[in-house]
Protein backbone atom coordinates (compact mmCIF):
# COMPACT_ATOMS: atom_id res chain seq x y z
CA MET A 1 76.49 110.38 144.07
CA ASN A 2 76.13 112.52 140.96
CA VAL A 3 78.12 112.90 137.71
CA THR A 4 77.77 116.00 135.56
CA ARG A 5 79.25 116.46 132.11
CA THR A 6 80.24 119.72 130.47
CA ASN A 7 81.24 119.27 126.84
CA HIS A 8 84.06 121.41 125.50
CA ASP A 9 83.45 120.15 121.95
CA ASP A 10 82.57 116.90 120.17
CA VAL A 11 85.61 115.06 121.50
CA SER A 12 86.40 116.43 124.98
CA ALA A 13 84.55 117.23 128.17
CA LEU A 14 84.80 117.93 131.88
CA LEU A 15 83.28 115.30 134.19
CA THR A 16 82.53 116.32 137.75
CA ILE A 17 81.80 113.60 140.31
CA THR A 18 80.06 114.67 143.50
CA LEU A 19 79.78 112.35 146.50
CA ASN A 20 77.65 112.77 149.59
CA LYS A 21 78.93 111.42 152.86
CA SER A 22 76.18 108.82 152.75
CA ASP A 23 77.74 107.35 149.57
CA TYR A 24 80.76 106.02 151.47
CA LYS A 25 80.01 106.32 155.22
CA GLU A 26 78.82 102.71 155.61
CA LYS A 27 82.02 101.33 154.03
CA VAL A 28 84.16 103.60 156.21
CA ASP A 29 82.33 102.49 159.38
CA ASP A 30 82.76 98.83 158.42
CA ALA A 31 86.49 99.33 157.89
CA LEU A 32 86.90 101.17 161.19
CA ASN A 33 85.02 98.44 163.07
CA SER A 34 87.30 95.86 161.47
CA TYR A 35 90.37 97.82 162.58
CA ALA A 36 88.91 98.14 166.08
CA LYS A 37 88.58 94.35 166.41
CA ARG A 38 92.23 93.82 165.43
CA ALA A 39 93.90 96.93 166.86
CA THR A 40 96.57 96.59 169.53
CA ILE A 41 96.94 99.87 171.37
CA PRO A 42 99.06 100.30 174.54
CA GLY A 43 96.90 100.42 177.66
CA PHE A 44 94.04 98.43 176.11
CA ARG A 45 93.42 94.75 175.46
CA LYS A 46 93.45 93.71 171.81
CA GLY A 47 90.18 94.77 170.18
CA LYS A 48 89.03 96.76 173.24
CA ALA A 49 90.35 100.23 172.39
CA PRO A 50 87.64 102.94 172.28
CA MET A 51 86.38 103.93 168.83
CA SER A 52 87.51 107.53 169.42
CA LEU A 53 91.14 106.36 169.42
CA ILE A 54 90.57 104.14 166.37
CA LYS A 55 89.07 107.09 164.46
CA LYS A 56 91.87 109.38 165.50
CA GLN A 57 94.43 106.96 164.13
CA TYR A 58 92.69 105.55 161.04
CA GLU A 59 89.58 107.54 160.04
CA GLU A 60 91.21 110.06 157.69
CA ALA A 61 93.20 107.48 155.71
CA VAL A 62 90.28 105.04 155.52
CA THR A 63 87.84 107.76 154.45
CA LEU A 64 90.12 109.16 151.74
CA GLU A 65 90.81 105.67 150.43
CA GLU A 66 87.08 104.95 150.22
CA ILE A 67 86.36 108.32 148.56
CA ASN A 68 89.02 107.64 145.91
CA ARG A 69 87.68 104.13 145.32
CA LYS A 70 84.12 105.42 144.99
CA ILE A 71 85.20 108.19 142.59
CA SER A 72 87.11 105.70 140.45
CA GLU A 73 84.12 103.33 140.34
CA SER A 74 81.75 106.17 139.49
CA LEU A 75 84.01 107.40 136.69
CA ASP A 76 84.38 103.93 135.16
CA LYS A 77 80.64 103.28 135.41
CA TYR A 78 79.73 106.59 133.78
CA VAL A 79 82.14 105.95 130.89
CA ALA A 80 80.80 102.42 130.38
CA ASP A 81 77.11 103.34 130.73
CA ASN A 82 77.45 106.18 128.23
CA ASN A 83 79.57 104.16 125.79
CA ILE A 84 82.37 106.73 125.85
CA ARG A 85 85.44 105.50 123.93
CA LEU A 86 88.25 107.26 125.74
CA LEU A 87 91.43 108.45 124.07
CA GLY A 88 94.13 108.70 126.66
CA GLN A 89 93.15 108.56 130.33
CA PRO A 90 91.10 111.01 132.45
CA ILE A 91 93.15 113.85 133.90
CA PRO A 92 92.14 114.92 137.43
CA GLN A 93 91.81 118.68 137.77
CA ASP A 94 93.92 120.55 140.30
CA THR A 95 92.00 120.54 143.56
CA GLN A 96 92.72 121.33 147.14
CA ALA A 97 93.25 118.39 149.48
CA LEU A 98 89.96 116.59 150.04
CA ASP A 99 88.28 117.28 153.37
CA PHE A 100 87.40 113.85 154.74
CA ASN A 101 84.97 115.44 157.19
CA ALA A 102 83.00 117.33 154.53
CA GLU A 103 79.38 116.40 153.92
CA GLU A 104 80.01 116.59 150.17
CA VAL A 105 83.15 116.24 148.01
CA SER A 106 83.61 116.90 144.29
CA VAL A 107 86.39 115.90 141.90
CA SER A 108 86.59 116.89 138.23
CA PHE A 109 88.32 115.10 135.33
CA GLU A 110 89.19 116.25 131.84
CA ILE A 111 88.48 113.50 129.31
CA GLY A 112 89.08 113.06 125.58
CA PHE A 113 87.13 110.57 123.49
CA GLU A 114 86.25 109.38 120.02
CA PRO A 115 83.52 111.31 118.20
CA GLU A 116 80.18 109.73 117.39
CA PHE A 117 80.16 108.71 113.75
CA GLU A 118 78.96 106.05 111.33
CA ILE A 119 80.67 104.62 108.24
CA ASP A 120 78.50 103.75 105.23
CA LEU A 121 80.92 101.74 103.10
CA SER A 122 78.54 101.73 100.14
CA LYS A 123 79.33 105.43 99.64
CA TYR A 124 82.98 104.71 98.88
CA ALA A 125 84.48 103.47 95.60
CA ALA A 126 87.98 102.68 94.35
CA GLU A 127 89.79 100.95 91.51
CA TYR A 128 90.10 97.18 91.78
CA TYR A 129 92.95 95.81 89.68
CA ASP A 130 92.37 92.70 87.60
CA VAL A 131 95.77 91.08 87.01
CA GLU A 132 96.34 87.66 85.45
CA ALA A 133 99.72 85.97 85.33
CA THR A 134 101.05 85.71 81.77
CA ASP A 135 103.57 83.21 80.38
CA LYS A 136 106.29 85.81 81.06
CA GLU A 137 105.60 85.89 84.81
CA VAL A 138 105.10 82.12 85.00
CA MET A 139 108.41 81.37 83.27
CA LYS A 140 110.21 83.92 85.45
CA SER A 141 108.98 82.10 88.57
CA VAL A 142 109.93 78.74 87.10
CA GLY A 143 113.37 80.15 86.29
CA ASN A 144 113.76 81.28 89.90
CA MET A 145 112.99 77.72 91.03
CA GLN A 146 115.69 76.40 88.71
CA LYS A 147 118.19 78.90 90.11
CA ARG A 148 117.20 78.10 93.70
CA PHE A 149 118.11 74.45 93.19
CA ALA A 150 121.02 75.09 90.80
CA GLU A 151 123.95 72.67 90.65
CA LYS A 152 127.37 73.91 91.73
CA VAL A 153 129.97 73.28 88.99
CA VAL A 154 133.62 73.81 90.00
CA LYS A 155 135.81 75.62 87.43
CA ASP A 156 139.55 76.12 86.98
CA LYS A 157 139.21 79.58 85.46
CA ALA A 158 136.70 82.34 86.04
CA THR A 159 134.25 83.65 83.45
CA LYS A 160 131.66 86.42 83.68
CA ASN A 161 129.18 83.91 85.15
CA SER A 162 131.53 82.68 87.88
CA HIS A 163 131.28 82.89 91.64
CA ILE A 164 134.68 83.33 93.27
CA ASN A 165 135.32 82.57 96.94
CA PHE A 166 138.45 84.27 98.24
CA GLU A 167 140.37 85.29 101.34
CA VAL A 168 141.70 88.74 102.22
CA THR A 169 144.68 88.94 104.58
CA GLU A 170 146.98 91.73 105.69
CA ILE A 171 150.62 91.39 104.60
CA VAL A 172 153.01 91.83 107.54
CA GLU A 173 156.78 91.46 107.86
CA GLY A 174 158.60 89.15 110.24
CA ASP A 175 156.89 88.49 113.55
CA ALA A 176 154.59 91.51 113.31
CA LYS A 177 150.95 90.83 114.03
CA PRO A 178 148.33 91.93 111.51
CA VAL A 179 145.94 94.70 112.60
CA HIS A 180 143.13 93.49 110.33
CA LYS A 181 141.58 90.07 110.73
CA PRO A 182 141.30 87.79 107.65
CA LYS A 183 138.09 88.15 105.64
CA TYR A 184 136.42 85.31 103.73
CA LEU A 185 134.25 86.62 100.93
CA SER A 186 132.53 85.75 97.66
CA ALA A 187 132.28 87.82 94.49
CA THR A 188 130.42 87.84 91.17
CA GLU A 189 130.57 90.24 88.22
CA GLU A 190 128.18 92.49 90.16
CA ASN A 191 131.17 93.32 92.39
CA THR A 192 132.63 95.68 89.82
CA ALA A 193 135.76 96.61 91.81
CA ILE A 194 137.11 93.24 92.99
CA PHE A 195 135.79 90.85 90.30
CA PRO A 196 138.08 92.10 87.50
CA ILE A 197 141.07 91.59 89.84
CA LEU A 198 140.04 88.05 90.77
CA LYS A 199 138.92 86.99 87.30
CA GLY A 200 142.50 86.71 86.04
CA LEU A 201 143.56 84.41 88.90
CA LYS A 202 143.35 80.64 89.26
CA VAL A 203 142.57 78.76 92.46
CA GLY A 204 145.44 79.23 94.91
CA GLU A 205 146.86 82.28 93.16
CA THR A 206 147.20 85.63 94.93
CA LYS A 207 147.21 89.34 94.19
CA GLU A 208 148.63 92.17 96.29
CA ILE A 209 146.47 95.25 96.91
CA SER A 210 147.63 98.50 98.51
CA ALA A 211 145.69 100.69 100.90
CA GLU A 212 145.77 103.39 98.22
CA GLU A 213 143.99 101.06 95.79
CA LEU A 214 141.42 100.22 98.44
CA LYS A 215 140.55 103.87 98.94
CA ALA A 216 140.34 104.77 95.25
CA ASN A 217 136.97 105.75 93.73
CA GLU A 218 135.51 106.75 97.09
CA ASN A 219 136.60 103.56 98.86
CA GLU A 220 134.77 101.33 96.38
CA LEU A 221 137.19 98.38 96.59
CA ALA A 222 137.52 98.66 100.38
CA ARG A 223 133.75 98.44 100.80
CA GLU A 224 133.49 95.40 98.51
CA LEU A 225 136.18 93.74 100.62
CA GLY A 226 134.16 94.27 103.79
CA PHE A 227 136.09 97.14 105.37
CA HIS A 228 133.99 99.29 107.71
CA ASP A 229 134.11 103.09 107.74
CA ILE A 230 136.35 103.20 110.83
CA GLU A 231 138.79 100.71 109.28
CA ILE A 232 138.89 102.72 106.05
CA THR A 233 139.57 105.95 107.96
CA HIS A 234 142.61 104.38 109.66
CA LEU A 235 144.10 102.79 106.55
CA GLY A 236 147.68 103.98 106.07
CA ASN A 237 150.43 102.18 104.16
CA GLU A 238 149.16 98.66 104.75
CA LYS A 239 149.23 96.04 102.02
CA PHE A 240 146.75 93.22 101.59
CA GLN A 241 146.63 89.96 99.71
CA VAL A 242 143.64 88.37 98.05
CA LYS A 243 143.81 84.62 97.47
CA VAL A 244 141.33 82.69 95.32
CA GLN A 245 140.02 79.65 97.17
CA GLU A 246 137.27 78.41 94.86
CA ILE A 247 135.79 79.18 91.44
CA PHE A 248 132.40 77.79 90.48
CA GLU A 249 129.34 78.41 88.37
CA LEU A 250 125.71 77.61 89.08
CA LYS A 251 123.96 75.46 86.52
CA ASP A 252 120.20 75.87 86.61
CA ALA A 253 118.33 72.74 87.72
CA GLU A 254 116.66 70.89 84.88
CA LEU A 255 112.90 70.86 84.61
CA ASN A 256 112.43 67.25 85.62
CA GLN A 257 110.75 65.12 88.27
CA GLU A 258 113.63 65.65 90.70
CA LEU A 259 113.05 69.41 90.67
CA PHE A 260 109.27 69.03 90.86
CA ASP A 261 109.65 66.85 93.98
CA LYS A 262 112.12 69.25 95.63
CA VAL A 263 109.76 72.17 95.19
CA TYR A 264 106.32 70.65 95.82
CA GLY A 265 106.90 67.24 97.39
CA LYS A 266 106.94 63.70 96.08
CA ASP A 267 104.76 63.25 92.95
CA GLU A 268 102.70 66.41 93.59
CA ILE A 269 103.71 67.66 90.15
CA LYS A 270 104.43 65.20 87.32
CA SER A 271 105.01 67.35 84.23
CA GLU A 272 106.11 70.77 83.01
CA GLU A 273 102.53 71.57 82.15
CA GLU A 274 101.37 70.77 85.69
CA LEU A 275 104.22 72.87 87.11
CA LYS A 276 103.33 75.88 85.00
CA ALA A 277 99.64 75.50 85.88
CA ARG A 278 100.46 75.38 89.60
CA VAL A 279 102.76 78.39 89.36
CA LYS A 280 100.12 80.35 87.44
CA SER A 281 97.53 79.51 90.08
CA GLU A 282 99.85 80.66 92.86
CA LEU A 283 100.66 83.89 91.04
CA ASP A 284 96.98 84.58 90.35
CA ASP A 285 96.24 84.08 94.05
CA PHE A 286 99.10 86.41 94.94
CA PHE A 287 97.83 89.07 92.53
CA LYS A 288 94.27 88.70 93.84
CA GLN A 289 95.32 89.08 97.48
CA ASN A 290 97.36 92.17 96.69
CA SER A 291 94.62 93.62 94.49
CA GLU A 292 92.26 93.30 97.41
CA ALA A 293 94.80 94.88 99.77
CA VAL A 294 95.34 97.84 97.43
CA PHE A 295 91.57 98.31 96.97
CA VAL A 296 90.88 98.25 100.72
CA SER A 297 93.77 100.62 101.32
CA LYS A 298 92.35 103.11 98.82
CA VAL A 299 88.91 102.95 100.44
CA LEU A 300 90.29 103.39 103.95
CA GLU A 301 92.43 106.33 102.83
CA GLN A 302 89.23 108.07 101.72
CA ILE A 303 87.59 107.38 105.09
CA TYR A 304 90.60 108.61 107.06
CA LYS A 305 90.26 112.02 105.39
CA GLU A 306 86.63 112.51 106.47
CA ASP A 307 85.97 115.67 108.49
CA PHE A 308 83.95 113.78 111.09
CA LEU A 309 87.06 111.91 112.23
CA LYS A 310 88.36 114.27 114.89
CA ILE A 311 90.64 113.60 117.82
CA PRO A 312 90.85 115.69 121.02
CA GLU A 313 94.27 117.13 120.21
CA ALA A 314 94.30 119.79 122.93
CA PHE A 315 93.34 117.22 125.57
CA LEU A 316 95.87 114.66 124.31
CA VAL A 317 98.66 117.22 124.55
CA LYS A 318 97.73 117.76 128.22
CA TRP A 319 97.52 113.99 128.75
CA VAL A 320 100.98 113.38 127.26
CA MET A 321 102.47 115.98 129.62
CA TYR A 322 100.45 114.72 132.62
CA SER A 323 101.43 111.06 132.12
CA ASN A 324 105.06 111.84 131.20
CA PRO A 325 106.44 114.33 133.76
CA GLU A 326 109.76 114.43 131.89
CA ILE A 327 107.95 116.11 128.96
CA THR A 328 107.72 119.72 130.09
CA GLU A 329 107.53 121.55 126.74
CA GLU A 330 104.12 121.80 125.12
CA ASP A 331 105.62 121.91 121.62
CA ARG A 332 107.20 118.50 122.18
CA ALA A 333 103.87 117.04 123.33
CA LYS A 334 102.15 118.56 120.28
CA GLN A 335 104.71 116.91 118.00
CA ILE A 336 104.11 113.52 119.65
CA ILE A 337 100.35 113.81 119.05
CA ALA A 338 100.92 115.02 115.48
CA ASN A 339 103.05 111.93 114.84
CA GLU A 340 100.39 109.62 116.28
CA LYS A 341 97.31 111.30 114.77
CA SER A 342 97.10 109.08 111.67
CA ALA A 343 97.43 105.91 113.75
CA LEU A 344 94.73 107.08 116.19
CA ILE A 345 92.31 107.83 113.35
CA ALA A 346 93.03 104.46 111.72
CA GLN A 347 92.37 102.72 115.05
CA MET A 348 89.07 104.61 115.45
CA VAL A 349 87.94 103.49 111.98
CA GLU A 350 88.95 99.88 112.58
CA ASN A 351 87.09 99.82 115.91
CA LYS A 352 83.97 101.30 114.33
CA LEU A 353 84.01 98.79 111.45
CA ARG A 354 84.56 95.94 113.91
CA VAL A 355 81.69 96.94 116.20
CA SER A 356 79.18 98.01 113.55
CA ASN A 357 79.73 94.82 111.55
CA ASN A 358 79.84 92.54 114.61
CA ILE A 359 83.28 91.19 113.67
CA GLN A 360 84.48 88.42 115.98
CA TYR A 361 87.09 85.67 115.84
CA ASP A 362 88.27 82.74 117.92
CA PHE A 363 91.53 80.89 118.57
CA GLU A 364 90.98 78.37 115.78
CA GLU A 365 90.80 81.18 113.23
CA VAL A 366 94.02 82.69 114.58
CA LEU A 367 95.70 79.26 114.46
CA GLU A 368 94.67 78.61 110.85
CA HIS A 369 95.78 82.07 109.79
CA ALA A 370 99.18 81.64 111.47
CA LYS A 371 99.62 78.26 109.75
CA LEU A 372 98.80 79.75 106.36
CA SER A 373 101.14 82.70 106.94
CA PHE A 374 103.99 80.42 107.96
CA ARG A 375 103.41 78.11 105.00
CA ASN A 376 103.47 81.10 102.63
CA GLN A 377 106.68 82.28 104.26
CA LEU A 378 108.27 78.88 103.63
CA MET A 379 107.09 78.94 100.02
CA SER A 380 108.76 82.31 99.50
CA HIS A 381 112.03 80.60 100.47
CA GLY A 382 111.46 77.70 98.09
CA VAL A 383 109.94 75.25 100.58
CA HIS A 384 106.62 74.24 99.03
CA HIS A 385 105.91 71.13 101.08
CA ILE A 386 105.70 70.64 104.84
CA GLY A 387 103.65 68.07 106.74
CA ASP A 388 100.35 69.29 108.18
CA GLN A 389 101.05 67.76 111.60
CA GLU A 390 104.54 69.23 111.75
CA LEU A 391 103.21 72.66 110.76
CA HIS A 392 100.40 72.42 113.33
CA ARG A 393 102.80 71.56 116.18
CA TYR A 394 105.22 74.33 115.28
CA VAL A 395 102.58 77.06 114.98
CA LEU A 396 100.79 75.95 118.15
CA GLU A 397 104.04 76.32 120.08
CA MET A 398 104.74 79.68 118.42
CA LEU A 399 101.36 81.07 119.53
CA ARG A 400 102.24 80.43 123.17
CA ASP A 401 104.26 83.62 122.88
CA ARG A 402 101.98 86.56 123.78
CA GLU A 403 103.50 88.88 121.22
CA GLN A 404 103.02 86.35 118.41
CA MET A 405 99.45 85.69 119.53
CA ARG A 406 98.73 89.43 119.59
CA ARG A 407 100.28 89.87 116.15
CA TYR A 408 98.32 87.10 114.44
CA SER A 409 95.08 88.03 116.23
CA SER A 410 95.47 91.58 114.93
CA GLU A 411 96.04 90.23 111.42
CA VAL A 412 92.88 88.11 111.61
CA LEU A 413 90.88 91.17 112.68
CA LEU A 414 92.29 93.20 109.78
CA ILE A 415 91.49 90.38 107.34
CA LYS A 416 87.88 90.35 108.53
CA ILE A 417 87.68 94.13 108.23
CA ARG A 418 89.12 93.82 104.73
CA SER A 419 86.40 91.31 103.85
CA VAL A 420 83.70 93.73 104.98
CA VAL A 421 85.20 96.56 102.92
CA LEU A 422 85.52 94.26 99.87
CA GLU A 423 81.88 93.24 100.21
CA LYS A 424 80.32 96.66 100.77
CA ALA A 425 82.49 99.26 99.03
CA LYS A 426 82.10 99.77 95.27
CA LYS A 427 84.74 98.37 92.91
CA THR A 428 85.73 99.93 89.63
CA GLU A 429 87.53 97.06 87.92
CA LYS A 430 90.57 97.86 85.82
CA LYS A 431 92.80 95.44 83.91
CA ILE A 432 96.49 96.24 84.27
CA SER A 433 99.74 94.45 83.48
CA TYR A 434 101.96 92.71 86.00
CA ASP A 435 104.57 95.49 85.79
CA GLU A 436 101.96 98.19 86.39
CA PHE A 437 100.54 96.20 89.28
CA MET A 438 103.93 95.71 90.97
CA LYS A 439 104.60 99.44 90.61
CA GLU A 440 101.28 100.11 92.37
CA ILE A 441 102.18 97.71 95.20
CA GLN A 442 105.59 99.34 95.64
CA THR A 443 103.97 102.77 95.78
CA LYS A 444 101.51 101.52 98.42
CA SER A 445 104.35 99.99 100.44
CA LYS A 446 106.34 103.24 100.41
CA LYS A 447 103.29 105.17 101.66
CA GLU A 448 102.82 102.72 104.54
CA ASP A 449 106.51 102.99 105.51
CA LYS A 450 106.29 106.79 105.89
């Protein structure tokens, strides 16, 4: 058995595997002898048929199967022994049907692979933002807590701060059935079309609205009342009634022990000063995490643009068409590869950083990361306290799902890669305000969404 390699360029090659009959003859003979012992052929007792008949019936299929197995093994071994990181899968070249009687057979494969490269993180530098939460940001977060646990105060008459719950029904005559189902909605002064109409009504009072009014100002009122585009298109001479069901205002929760306990758990926080200190600490952690993410992103963006990061585009176009017979146009395959190029390069860089820095992780690390992520998610919804045992049981059950396990494992890997970049790449520290920082995060998020 012999494997020869002809490089097309730094990221693609032709592999030719040549087998001598001696490479697979012993396996073929063993298989034929096994068939002979079990074969039932008319005119002969079981296992007593002459080998010439066995070969006539089975030799070609057995030989071709063994040749294909040997070629596959040889290809896999060559790729592993030479540390070739394939992109796509090998494409067998067009060949004539293999001659199972030949003394020598050869099969060629086109392959595409990652280039050989190294990443010296110490050569890269980026801005690292130093952001500290000020009283303004702390008090805004505290205010959000107060609003989250606000008290509902029922009112007789609406003001600009009111929330109004109301019902929308179609007005019909006699026994006619309405075309439009009732809608139960809520409005505030942000609903600039319906709120002025409702504001003058008391609980239980109604107001008639025509289809013409609904469609005025480019269907503004209709949209605020929950009408879909198709419903709006078919509006004719219908009339509707809005009826106020409830008027209330939300009174911010007071900064007292009751609120502290709701947010952080019993007696975790005992004063306004402690609350503000905790909030500041949480905001500083949030800013730090995002500063690190922005820094790493800037460093990786520089790496992704390096000339040494090539992909075998011509090969990958062939591979897309080979593995997807329904794709018959080369331009379509090229567009698919163009769309995936950035992701492929990012994956190459991540793999290189993982291998060269010996990054590893285990299940316990994935579990702890998932618990932290879920706790942070709860905190973003105002739940700042959950029992450790309860959290552990929930997350353990969640990770039984393969997709969730894959997701959190990937996140742990990226966190470890981030740590390596933070340690080795050069930081140019820059103090910026909260508003400037949030603008930077939003810009980063928009880039990632593209």
